[in-house]
Protein backbone atom coordinates (compact mmCIF):
# COMPACT_ATOMS: atom_id res chain seq x y z
CA MET A 1 -27.74 -28.86 29.96
CA SER A 2 -27.07 -32.34 29.55
CA LEU A 3 -29.36 -32.72 26.45
CA VAL A 4 -27.11 -30.00 25.05
CA ASP A 5 -23.99 -31.47 26.08
CA ASP A 6 -25.12 -34.99 24.91
CA THR A 7 -25.26 -33.47 21.19
CA GLY A 8 -22.32 -32.19 20.91
CA PHE A 9 -22.67 -28.62 22.06
CA ASP A 10 -21.16 -26.45 25.03
CA PRO A 11 -24.38 -25.78 27.33
CA TYR A 12 -24.17 -22.01 28.83
CA ASP A 13 -26.75 -20.90 31.07
CA ALA A 14 -27.37 -17.23 29.54
CA GLY A 15 -29.56 -16.06 32.10
CA THR A 16 -33.35 -15.62 32.75
CA LEU A 17 -36.07 -15.45 30.28
CA ALA A 18 -36.24 -11.51 30.53
CA ASP A 19 -32.60 -11.75 29.12
CA SER A 20 -33.26 -13.86 26.17
CA TRP A 21 -33.07 -10.99 23.83
CA ARG A 22 -29.25 -11.57 24.21
CA GLN A 23 -29.45 -14.40 21.97
CA GLN A 24 -32.20 -13.25 19.49
CA PRO A 25 -31.32 -11.75 16.15
CA ASN A 26 -29.61 -8.24 16.47
CA SER A 27 -28.09 -9.59 19.67
CA PRO A 28 -24.46 -9.97 20.90
CA VAL A 29 -24.33 -13.58 20.51
CA TYR A 30 -26.17 -13.87 17.39
CA CYS A 31 -24.38 -15.44 14.52
CA THR A 32 -21.19 -14.76 16.01
CA GLU A 33 -19.67 -18.24 16.52
CA LEU A 34 -18.35 -17.06 19.81
CA THR A 35 -16.28 -19.70 22.10
CA LEU A 36 -17.83 -20.77 25.46
CA ASP A 37 -15.28 -18.25 27.18
CA GLU A 38 -16.40 -15.66 24.84
CA LEU A 39 -20.01 -15.53 26.07
CA PRO A 40 -20.04 -14.03 28.83
CA SER A 41 -18.84 -10.53 27.77
CA ALA A 42 -20.68 -10.56 24.60
CA LEU A 43 -23.98 -11.28 26.87
CA ALA A 44 -23.20 -8.26 29.14
CA LYS A 45 -23.31 -5.85 26.38
CA ASP A 46 -26.24 -3.49 26.46
CA ALA A 47 -29.37 -3.08 24.20
CA ALA A 48 -27.87 -0.07 22.72
CA ILE A 49 -25.96 -2.28 20.12
CA ARG A 50 -29.03 -4.36 19.40
CA ASP A 51 -30.82 -1.07 18.79
CA SER A 52 -28.54 0.09 16.40
CA LEU A 53 -28.74 -2.80 13.91
CA PRO A 54 -31.98 -1.75 11.75
CA GLU A 55 -30.23 1.34 11.08
CA ARG A 56 -27.20 -0.57 9.93
CA PHE A 57 -29.04 -3.12 8.08
CA ALA A 58 -31.12 -0.33 6.22
CA ALA A 59 -27.52 1.00 5.26
CA LEU A 60 -26.54 -2.40 3.24
CA PRO A 61 -26.84 -2.29 -0.59
CA ALA A 62 -30.13 -3.55 -2.02
CA ASN A 63 -30.48 -7.35 -1.69
CA PRO A 64 -27.79 -8.16 0.77
CA THR A 65 -26.49 -11.75 0.78
CA VAL A 66 -26.50 -13.71 4.02
CA ASP A 67 -22.83 -13.32 4.30
CA ASP A 68 -23.50 -9.30 4.25
CA VAL A 69 -25.99 -9.33 6.97
CA VAL A 70 -24.06 -11.75 9.09
CA GLU A 71 -20.78 -9.57 8.76
CA MET A 72 -22.87 -6.65 9.61
CA ASP A 73 -24.05 -8.17 12.84
CA ARG A 74 -20.42 -9.37 13.83
CA ALA A 75 -18.97 -5.97 13.13
CA ALA A 76 -21.65 -4.41 15.40
CA HIS A 77 -20.82 -6.75 18.27
CA ARG A 78 -16.74 -6.58 18.15
């Protein structure tokens, strides 16, 4: 935690290794730029949202931009 803090980021203990999916692509906190105060509620969301993202991704237009993908992910977790 000190190393993260020393590099200018706010450290947050997001739980066990078994819960690490909550920080991976398609997860409640991935690409969302949440504040430290917003993290606990986002991390508490269940896997149903994560599991819906492949369908949402498939519904994007052909050759989506990075912004399209990031917005899709953020919208799913709002």
